[in-house]
């Protein structure tokens, strides 16, 4: 009887071949899906510079006329444009949102363009913004300054409510 049992048993064979085709099909389907779902961002750079140090500017050679030191102050209800030897100009802020309206930006660009034309060689402007000023508004001010020909923009924080 022992012989009969042995003869009835069949030897088990294990298939050791890897079936890669289903895996390849899944990968081929996933690659286009992942590429289509990827977000491609355009990276932009805005060049800025820090305000000049008073001691470093005093050590430099003093020109015949002092620099304009043009600044745009962002207040709750107005933009104030001031500089050395220039009467401050106040432009009312309209809209009150995170983006200033286009007429105010056009007026600001015109004021900055006039100041840059009357003081040749001026290419710097400081944007003095309060802590509650929105990033979009600062970028709009930088764009207005750049449109006026003032390409070197410096950012400065302000905590005071008045000048």
N, C-alpha and C. Protein backbone atom coordinates (compact mmCIF):
# COMPACT_ATOMS: atom_id res chain seq x y z
N UNK A 1 0.79 -1.18 0.00
CA UNK A 1 0.00 0.00 0.00
C UNK A 1 0.84 1.26 0.00
N UNK A 2 1.95 1.20 0.64
CA UNK A 2 2.81 2.36 0.68
C UNK A 2 3.30 2.70 -0.71
N UNK A 3 3.45 1.69 -1.51
CA UNK A 3 3.90 1.95 -2.86
C UNK A 3 2.82 2.63 -3.68
N UNK A 4 1.62 2.30 -3.43
CA UNK A 4 0.53 2.90 -4.19
C UNK A 4 0.38 4.38 -3.85
N UNK A 5 0.52 4.71 -2.62
CA UNK A 5 0.40 6.13 -2.23
C UNK A 5 1.50 6.97 -2.86
N UNK A 6 2.67 6.42 -2.91
CA UNK A 6 3.78 7.18 -3.50
C UNK A 6 3.57 7.37 -4.99
N UNK A 7 3.04 6.44 -5.62
CA UNK A 7 2.86 6.57 -7.06
C UNK A 7 1.72 7.52 -7.40
N UNK A 8 0.75 7.62 -6.51
CA UNK A 8 -0.36 8.52 -6.77
C UNK A 8 0.02 9.98 -6.58
N UNK A 9 0.94 10.21 -5.72
CA UNK A 9 1.37 11.61 -5.50
C UNK A 9 2.13 12.11 -6.72
N UNK A 10 1.79 13.25 -7.08
CA UNK A 10 2.53 13.87 -8.18
C UNK A 10 3.49 14.87 -7.57
N UNK A 11 4.56 15.04 -8.22
CA UNK A 11 5.52 16.02 -7.71
C UNK A 11 5.00 17.43 -8.00
N UNK A 12 5.11 18.27 -7.00
CA UNK A 12 4.65 19.66 -7.15
C UNK A 12 5.72 20.48 -7.84
N UNK A 13 5.33 21.20 -8.86
CA UNK A 13 6.27 22.08 -9.52
C UNK A 13 5.81 23.52 -9.29
N UNK A 14 6.74 24.34 -8.91
CA UNK A 14 6.45 25.74 -8.64
C UNK A 14 6.96 26.56 -9.82
N UNK A 15 6.10 27.42 -10.32
CA UNK A 15 6.47 28.28 -11.44
C UNK A 15 7.21 29.48 -10.85
N UNK A 16 8.49 29.62 -11.13
CA UNK A 16 9.31 30.69 -10.57
C UNK A 16 9.46 31.87 -11.52
N UNK A 17 8.80 31.88 -12.63
CA UNK A 17 8.90 33.00 -13.58
C UNK A 17 8.10 34.18 -13.04
N UNK A 18 8.71 35.37 -13.07
CA UNK A 18 8.02 36.59 -12.66
C UNK A 18 7.22 37.12 -13.84
N UNK A 19 6.00 37.45 -13.56
CA UNK A 19 5.16 38.01 -14.61
C UNK A 19 5.23 39.54 -14.51
N UNK A 20 6.08 40.14 -15.32
CA UNK A 20 6.33 41.58 -15.27
C UNK A 20 5.38 42.39 -16.14
N UNK A 21 4.68 41.76 -17.02
CA UNK A 21 3.80 42.50 -17.92
C UNK A 21 2.69 43.26 -17.18
N UNK A 22 2.01 42.71 -16.19
CA UNK A 22 1.01 43.52 -15.48
C UNK A 22 1.62 44.72 -14.76
N UNK A 23 2.80 44.53 -14.18
CA UNK A 23 3.48 45.64 -13.51
C UNK A 23 3.87 46.72 -14.52
N UNK A 24 4.37 46.32 -15.67
CA UNK A 24 4.74 47.28 -16.71
C UNK A 24 3.52 48.03 -17.21
N UNK A 25 2.40 47.36 -17.34
CA UNK A 25 1.17 48.02 -17.80
C UNK A 25 0.71 49.07 -16.79
N UNK A 26 0.82 48.77 -15.52
CA UNK A 26 0.42 49.73 -14.49
C UNK A 26 1.34 50.95 -14.51
N UNK A 27 2.63 50.72 -14.63
CA UNK A 27 3.59 51.83 -14.66
C UNK A 27 3.38 52.69 -15.90
N UNK A 28 3.12 52.05 -17.02
CA UNK A 28 2.89 52.81 -18.25
C UNK A 28 1.62 53.66 -18.12
N UNK A 29 0.64 53.20 -17.41
CA UNK A 29 -0.59 53.98 -17.21
C UNK A 29 -0.38 55.07 -16.16
N UNK A 30 0.46 54.84 -15.15
CA UNK A 30 0.66 55.83 -14.08
C UNK A 30 1.52 57.01 -14.49
N UNK A 31 2.51 56.80 -15.31
CA UNK A 31 3.43 57.88 -15.68
C UNK A 31 2.70 59.05 -16.35
N UNK A 32 1.87 58.83 -17.35
CA UNK A 32 1.15 59.99 -17.93
C UNK A 32 0.19 60.65 -16.93
N UNK A 33 -0.42 59.85 -16.06
CA UNK A 33 -1.33 60.42 -15.05
C UNK A 33 -0.57 61.33 -14.10
N UNK A 34 0.60 60.89 -13.66
CA UNK A 34 1.40 61.71 -12.74
C UNK A 34 1.91 62.97 -13.44
N UNK A 35 2.31 62.86 -14.68
CA UNK A 35 2.78 64.04 -15.41
C UNK A 35 1.66 65.04 -15.64
N UNK A 36 0.45 64.57 -15.90
CA UNK A 36 -0.66 65.48 -16.11
C UNK A 36 -1.12 66.14 -14.82
N UNK A 37 -0.93 65.47 -13.70
CA UNK A 37 -1.38 66.05 -12.44
C UNK A 37 -0.33 66.95 -11.79
N UNK A 38 0.88 66.98 -12.33
CA UNK A 38 1.94 67.82 -11.76
C UNK A 38 1.64 69.28 -12.03
N UNK A 39 2.00 70.14 -11.09
CA UNK A 39 1.79 71.57 -11.22
C UNK A 39 3.12 72.19 -11.60
N UNK A 40 3.12 72.91 -12.68
CA UNK A 40 4.32 73.58 -13.14
C UNK A 40 4.22 75.06 -12.79
N UNK A 41 5.11 75.54 -11.95
CA UNK A 41 5.09 76.92 -11.49
C UNK A 41 6.16 77.72 -12.21
N UNK A 42 5.82 78.94 -12.51
CA UNK A 42 6.80 79.85 -13.08
C UNK A 42 7.39 80.65 -11.94
N UNK A 43 8.69 80.61 -11.82
CA UNK A 43 9.36 81.29 -10.71
C UNK A 43 9.82 82.66 -11.19
N UNK A 44 9.45 83.69 -10.42
CA UNK A 44 9.84 85.05 -10.76
C UNK A 44 10.70 85.59 -9.63
N UNK A 45 11.60 86.47 -9.98
CA UNK A 45 12.50 87.08 -9.00
C UNK A 45 12.28 88.58 -9.03
N UNK A 46 12.09 89.16 -7.87
CA UNK A 46 11.97 90.61 -7.76
C UNK A 46 13.19 91.07 -6.98
N UNK A 47 14.02 91.86 -7.63
CA UNK A 47 15.24 92.31 -6.97
C UNK A 47 14.91 93.48 -6.04
N UNK A 48 15.38 93.36 -4.83
CA UNK A 48 15.19 94.41 -3.83
C UNK A 48 16.52 94.68 -3.15
N UNK A 49 16.59 95.77 -2.42
CA UNK A 49 17.79 96.06 -1.65
C UNK A 49 17.36 96.63 -0.30
N UNK A 50 18.21 96.45 0.68
CA UNK A 50 17.92 96.96 2.01
C UNK A 50 18.19 98.46 2.06
N UNK A 51 17.54 99.18 2.97
CA UNK A 51 17.84 100.61 3.10
C UNK A 51 19.30 100.82 3.50
N UNK A 52 19.84 101.95 3.04
CA UNK A 52 21.24 102.23 3.33
C UNK A 52 21.44 102.58 4.79
N UNK A 53 22.59 102.21 5.30
CA UNK A 53 22.96 102.52 6.67
C UNK A 53 23.41 103.98 6.73
N UNK A 54 23.01 104.71 7.77
CA UNK A 54 23.36 106.13 7.89
C UNK A 54 24.86 106.32 8.06
N UNK A 55 25.52 105.43 8.80
CA UNK A 55 26.96 105.57 9.02
C UNK A 55 27.74 105.30 7.73
N UNK A 56 27.31 104.34 6.96
CA UNK A 56 28.01 104.01 5.72
C UNK A 56 27.86 105.13 4.70
N UNK A 57 26.68 105.77 4.66
CA UNK A 57 26.49 106.86 3.70
C UNK A 57 27.25 108.11 4.14
N UNK A 58 27.45 108.31 5.45
CA UNK A 58 28.20 109.46 5.93
C UNK A 58 29.68 109.31 5.61
N UNK A 59 30.18 108.08 5.59
CA UNK A 59 31.58 107.84 5.30
C UNK A 59 31.88 108.04 3.81
N UNK A 60 30.89 107.88 2.99
CA UNK A 60 31.10 108.07 1.55
C UNK A 60 31.28 109.55 1.24
N UNK A 61 31.75 109.81 0.05
CA UNK A 61 31.97 111.19 -0.37
C UNK A 61 30.62 111.89 -0.48
N UNK A 62 30.50 113.07 0.13
CA UNK A 62 29.24 113.81 0.10
C UNK A 62 29.12 114.56 -1.21
N UNK A 63 28.03 114.32 -1.95
CA UNK A 63 27.84 115.06 -3.20
C UNK A 63 27.40 116.50 -2.90
N UNK A 64 27.33 117.33 -3.95
CA UNK A 64 26.93 118.72 -3.79
C UNK A 64 25.51 118.84 -3.24
N UNK A 65 24.61 118.04 -3.76
CA UNK A 65 23.25 118.05 -3.25
C UNK A 65 22.96 116.70 -2.60
N UNK A 66 22.22 116.71 -1.50
CA UNK A 66 21.94 115.43 -0.84
C UNK A 66 21.03 114.56 -1.72
N UNK A 67 21.08 113.25 -1.55
CA UNK A 67 20.24 112.37 -2.37
C UNK A 67 18.76 112.60 -2.06
N UNK A 68 17.95 112.24 -3.00
CA UNK A 68 16.51 112.45 -2.87
C UNK A 68 15.91 111.61 -1.76
N UNK A 69 16.39 110.39 -1.57
CA UNK A 69 15.88 109.47 -0.55
C UNK A 69 14.36 109.38 -0.62
N UNK A 70 13.87 108.97 -1.77
CA UNK A 70 12.44 108.90 -2.05
C UNK A 70 11.81 107.73 -1.30
N UNK A 71 10.66 107.97 -0.68
CA UNK A 71 9.97 106.93 0.08
C UNK A 71 8.47 107.02 -0.18
N UNK A 72 7.84 105.86 -0.27
CA UNK A 72 6.38 105.78 -0.37
C UNK A 72 5.89 105.09 0.90
N UNK A 73 5.18 105.85 1.72
CA UNK A 73 4.64 105.31 2.97
C UNK A 73 3.22 104.81 2.71
N UNK A 74 2.94 103.61 3.18
CA UNK A 74 1.61 103.02 3.03
C UNK A 74 0.90 103.18 4.37
N UNK A 75 -0.12 104.00 4.38
CA UNK A 75 -0.92 104.23 5.59
C UNK A 75 -2.31 103.65 5.39
N UNK A 76 -3.11 103.71 6.43
CA UNK A 76 -4.44 103.10 6.38
C UNK A 76 -5.33 103.75 5.32
N UNK A 77 -5.27 105.08 5.19
CA UNK A 77 -6.16 105.78 4.27
C UNK A 77 -5.45 106.48 3.13
N UNK A 78 -4.10 106.42 3.09
CA UNK A 78 -3.40 107.19 2.06
C UNK A 78 -2.01 106.62 1.79
N UNK A 79 -1.50 106.96 0.61
CA UNK A 79 -0.10 106.76 0.26
C UNK A 79 0.57 108.11 0.40
N UNK A 80 1.71 108.16 1.05
CA UNK A 80 2.43 109.42 1.23
C UNK A 80 3.79 109.27 0.54
N UNK A 81 4.03 110.13 -0.45
CA UNK A 81 5.29 110.12 -1.19
C UNK A 81 6.11 111.29 -0.68
N UNK A 82 7.30 110.98 -0.17
CA UNK A 82 8.15 112.05 0.35
C UNK A 82 9.60 111.77 -0.01
N UNK A 83 10.38 112.82 0.04
CA UNK A 83 11.80 112.73 -0.23
C UNK A 83 12.50 113.95 0.31
N UNK A 84 13.82 113.93 0.28
CA UNK A 84 14.60 115.04 0.79
C UNK A 84 14.44 116.26 -0.13
N UNK A 85 13.97 117.36 0.41
CA UNK A 85 13.77 118.58 -0.37
C UNK A 85 12.51 118.57 -1.20
N UNK A 86 11.60 117.65 -0.95
CA UNK A 86 10.36 117.55 -1.72
C UNK A 86 9.21 117.59 -0.73
N UNK A 87 8.19 118.39 -1.09
CA UNK A 87 7.00 118.42 -0.23
C UNK A 87 6.30 117.07 -0.29
N UNK A 88 5.86 116.56 0.86
CA UNK A 88 5.14 115.27 0.84
C UNK A 88 3.85 115.38 0.04
N UNK A 89 3.58 114.37 -0.73
CA UNK A 89 2.35 114.32 -1.53
C UNK A 89 1.50 113.16 -1.02
N UNK A 90 0.24 113.45 -0.78
CA UNK A 90 -0.67 112.47 -0.22
C UNK A 90 -1.66 112.04 -1.30
N UNK A 91 -1.75 110.73 -1.50
CA UNK A 91 -2.71 110.16 -2.44
C UNK A 91 -3.66 109.28 -1.64
N UNK A 92 -4.94 109.56 -1.76
CA UNK A 92 -5.94 108.80 -1.01
C UNK A 92 -6.01 107.37 -1.52
N UNK A 93 -6.08 106.44 -0.59
CA UNK A 93 -6.26 105.03 -0.95
C UNK A 93 -7.74 104.76 -1.13
N UNK A 94 -8.07 104.17 -2.25
CA UNK A 94 -9.46 103.81 -2.51
C UNK A 94 -9.57 102.30 -2.53
N UNK A 95 -10.75 101.82 -2.31
CA UNK A 95 -10.98 100.38 -2.38
C UNK A 95 -10.81 99.70 -1.04
N UNK A 96 -9.71 99.93 -0.35
CA UNK A 96 -9.48 99.36 0.96
C UNK A 96 -9.18 97.88 0.97
N UNK A 97 -9.16 97.23 -0.20
CA UNK A 97 -8.89 95.81 -0.25
C UNK A 97 -7.40 95.54 -0.30
N UNK A 98 -7.06 94.31 -0.65
CA UNK A 98 -5.65 93.95 -0.72
C UNK A 98 -5.00 94.50 -1.99
N UNK A 99 -5.78 94.76 -3.02
CA UNK A 99 -5.25 95.33 -4.26
C UNK A 99 -5.70 96.77 -4.39
N UNK A 100 -4.77 97.71 -4.62
CA UNK A 100 -5.18 99.09 -4.83
C UNK A 100 -5.84 99.24 -6.20
N UNK A 101 -6.69 100.27 -6.31
CA UNK A 101 -7.38 100.46 -7.59
C UNK A 101 -6.43 101.05 -8.63
N UNK A 102 -6.80 100.93 -9.88
CA UNK A 102 -5.91 101.31 -10.97
C UNK A 102 -5.71 102.82 -11.06
N UNK A 103 -6.71 103.63 -10.72
CA UNK A 103 -6.53 105.08 -10.80
C UNK A 103 -5.53 105.57 -9.76
N UNK A 104 -5.57 105.01 -8.58
CA UNK A 104 -4.59 105.39 -7.56
C UNK A 104 -3.18 104.98 -7.99
N UNK A 105 -3.05 103.79 -8.59
CA UNK A 105 -1.73 103.35 -9.04
C UNK A 105 -1.23 104.22 -10.19
N UNK A 106 -2.13 104.66 -11.08
CA UNK A 106 -1.72 105.56 -12.16
C UNK A 106 -1.28 106.91 -11.60
N UNK A 107 -2.00 107.42 -10.62
CA UNK A 107 -1.60 108.69 -9.99
C UNK A 107 -0.25 108.55 -9.29
N UNK A 108 -0.05 107.44 -8.59
CA UNK A 108 1.21 107.21 -7.90
C UNK A 108 2.36 107.07 -8.90
N UNK A 109 2.12 106.37 -9.99
CA UNK A 109 3.15 106.24 -11.03
C UNK A 109 3.49 107.61 -11.61
N UNK A 110 2.49 108.45 -11.84
CA UNK A 110 2.72 109.78 -12.38
C UNK A 110 3.53 110.65 -11.42
N UNK A 111 3.19 110.59 -10.12
CA UNK A 111 3.94 111.37 -9.12
C UNK A 111 5.38 110.90 -9.06
N UNK A 112 5.59 109.59 -9.04
CA UNK A 112 6.96 109.06 -8.99
C UNK A 112 7.73 109.39 -10.26
N UNK A 113 7.07 109.34 -11.41
CA UNK A 113 7.72 109.68 -12.67
C UNK A 113 8.14 111.15 -12.69
N UNK A 114 7.27 112.03 -12.16
CA UNK A 114 7.59 113.46 -12.09
C UNK A 114 8.80 113.70 -11.19
N UNK A 115 8.81 113.05 -10.03
CA UNK A 115 9.94 113.21 -9.10
C UNK A 115 11.23 112.66 -9.70
N UNK A 116 11.14 111.53 -10.40
CA UNK A 116 12.33 110.96 -11.02
C UNK A 116 12.84 111.85 -12.15
N UNK A 117 11.93 112.53 -12.87
CA UNK A 117 12.35 113.42 -13.96
C UNK A 117 12.99 114.70 -13.42
N UNK A 118 12.48 115.22 -12.30
CA UNK A 118 13.06 116.45 -11.74
C UNK A 118 14.36 116.19 -10.99
N UNK A 119 14.62 114.96 -10.63
CA UNK A 119 15.87 114.61 -9.96
C UNK A 119 16.56 113.51 -10.78
N UNK A 120 17.29 113.89 -11.84
CA UNK A 120 17.92 112.87 -12.69
C UNK A 120 18.95 112.06 -11.89
N UNK A 121 19.07 110.84 -12.26
CA UNK A 121 20.01 109.95 -11.56
C UNK A 121 19.37 109.21 -10.40
N UNK A 122 18.14 109.55 -10.09
CA UNK A 122 17.44 108.86 -9.01
C UNK A 122 16.84 107.57 -9.56
N UNK A 123 17.24 106.46 -8.97
CA UNK A 123 16.67 105.17 -9.39
C UNK A 123 16.23 104.34 -8.19
N UNK A 124 16.25 104.94 -7.01
CA UNK A 124 15.90 104.20 -5.80
C UNK A 124 14.63 104.76 -5.17
N UNK A 125 13.85 103.86 -4.60
CA UNK A 125 12.66 104.24 -3.86
C UNK A 125 12.49 103.24 -2.72
N UNK A 126 12.08 103.72 -1.56
CA UNK A 126 11.79 102.86 -0.41
C UNK A 126 10.28 102.75 -0.27
N UNK A 127 9.80 101.55 -0.05
CA UNK A 127 8.39 101.34 0.25
C UNK A 127 8.30 101.03 1.73
N UNK A 128 7.72 101.96 2.47
CA UNK A 128 7.60 101.81 3.93
C UNK A 128 6.18 101.34 4.20
N UNK A 129 6.05 100.06 4.49
CA UNK A 129 4.73 99.46 4.65
C UNK A 129 4.50 99.06 6.11
N UNK A 130 3.25 99.19 6.51
CA UNK A 130 2.87 98.74 7.85
C UNK A 130 2.70 97.23 7.85
N UNK A 131 2.60 96.67 9.03
CA UNK A 131 2.53 95.21 9.13
C UNK A 131 1.24 94.64 8.54
N UNK A 132 0.19 95.43 8.48
CA UNK A 132 -1.07 94.91 7.94
C UNK A 132 -1.19 95.08 6.43
N UNK A 133 -0.17 95.62 5.79
CA UNK A 133 -0.19 95.81 4.34
C UNK A 133 -0.08 94.45 3.65
N UNK A 134 -0.96 94.22 2.68
CA UNK A 134 -0.98 92.95 1.95
C UNK A 134 0.18 92.87 0.98
N UNK A 135 0.64 91.66 0.77
CA UNK A 135 1.75 91.39 -0.14
C UNK A 135 1.42 91.86 -1.56
N UNK A 136 0.18 91.66 -2.01
CA UNK A 136 -0.22 92.06 -3.36
C UNK A 136 -0.10 93.57 -3.53
N UNK A 137 -0.39 94.31 -2.49
CA UNK A 137 -0.30 95.76 -2.57
C UNK A 137 1.16 96.21 -2.67
N UNK A 138 2.05 95.55 -1.94
CA UNK A 138 3.48 95.87 -2.02
C UNK A 138 4.00 95.60 -3.43
N UNK A 139 3.58 94.49 -4.02
CA UNK A 139 4.00 94.16 -5.38
C UNK A 139 3.46 95.19 -6.37
N UNK A 140 2.22 95.64 -6.18
CA UNK A 140 1.64 96.67 -7.05
C UNK A 140 2.43 97.98 -6.92
N UNK A 141 2.86 98.33 -5.71
CA UNK A 141 3.67 99.53 -5.52
C UNK A 141 5.03 99.38 -6.19
N UNK A 142 5.61 98.21 -6.11
CA UNK A 142 6.89 97.98 -6.78
C UNK A 142 6.74 98.09 -8.29
N UNK A 143 5.63 97.58 -8.82
CA UNK A 143 5.37 97.70 -10.26
C UNK A 143 5.18 99.16 -10.67
N UNK A 144 4.49 99.94 -9.84
CA UNK A 144 4.30 101.37 -10.14
C UNK A 144 5.64 102.10 -10.12
N UNK A 145 6.49 101.78 -9.17
CA UNK A 145 7.82 102.41 -9.10
C UNK A 145 8.66 102.03 -10.31
N UNK A 146 8.59 100.78 -10.70
CA UNK A 146 9.35 100.32 -11.87
C UNK A 146 8.85 100.99 -13.14
N UNK A 147 7.52 101.20 -13.23
CA UNK A 147 6.96 101.88 -14.40
C UNK A 147 7.38 103.34 -14.44
N UNK A 148 7.66 103.93 -13.29
CA UNK A 148 8.10 105.32 -13.22
C UNK A 148 9.59 105.47 -13.47
N UNK A 149 10.30 104.36 -13.65
CA UNK A 149 11.74 104.43 -13.91
C UNK A 149 12.59 104.25 -12.67
N UNK A 150 11.98 103.95 -11.55
CA UNK A 150 12.72 103.71 -10.31
C UNK A 150 12.89 102.21 -10.14
N UNK A 151 14.02 101.70 -10.60
CA UNK A 151 14.20 100.25 -10.68
C UNK A 151 14.74 99.63 -9.40
N UNK A 152 15.38 100.40 -8.55
CA UNK A 152 15.92 99.87 -7.30
C UNK A 152 14.92 100.13 -6.18
N UNK A 153 14.25 99.08 -5.75
CA UNK A 153 13.22 99.20 -4.73
C UNK A 153 13.70 98.55 -3.45
N UNK A 154 13.53 99.26 -2.34
CA UNK A 154 13.87 98.72 -1.03
C UNK A 154 12.60 98.65 -0.19
N UNK A 155 12.49 97.63 0.62
CA UNK A 155 11.34 97.47 1.48
C UNK A 155 11.71 97.79 2.92
N UNK A 156 10.78 98.44 3.61
CA UNK A 156 11.03 98.82 4.99
C UNK A 156 9.73 98.67 5.76
N UNK A 157 9.82 98.16 6.96
CA UNK A 157 8.63 98.01 7.79
C UNK A 157 8.43 99.24 8.65
N UNK A 158 7.19 99.54 8.94
CA UNK A 158 6.85 100.69 9.76
C UNK A 158 5.86 100.25 10.82
N UNK A 159 6.07 100.72 12.04
CA UNK A 159 5.13 100.41 13.12
C UNK A 159 4.34 101.62 13.54
N UNK A 160 4.81 102.82 13.16
CA UNK A 160 4.12 104.04 13.58
C UNK A 160 2.95 104.32 12.65
N UNK A 161 1.94 104.96 13.19
CA UNK A 161 0.76 105.30 12.39
C UNK A 161 0.94 106.62 11.66
N UNK A 162 1.76 107.49 12.14
CA UNK A 162 1.98 108.78 11.47
C UNK A 162 3.42 108.92 11.04
N UNK A 163 3.68 109.97 10.31
CA UNK A 163 5.06 110.19 9.84
C UNK A 163 5.80 110.99 10.88
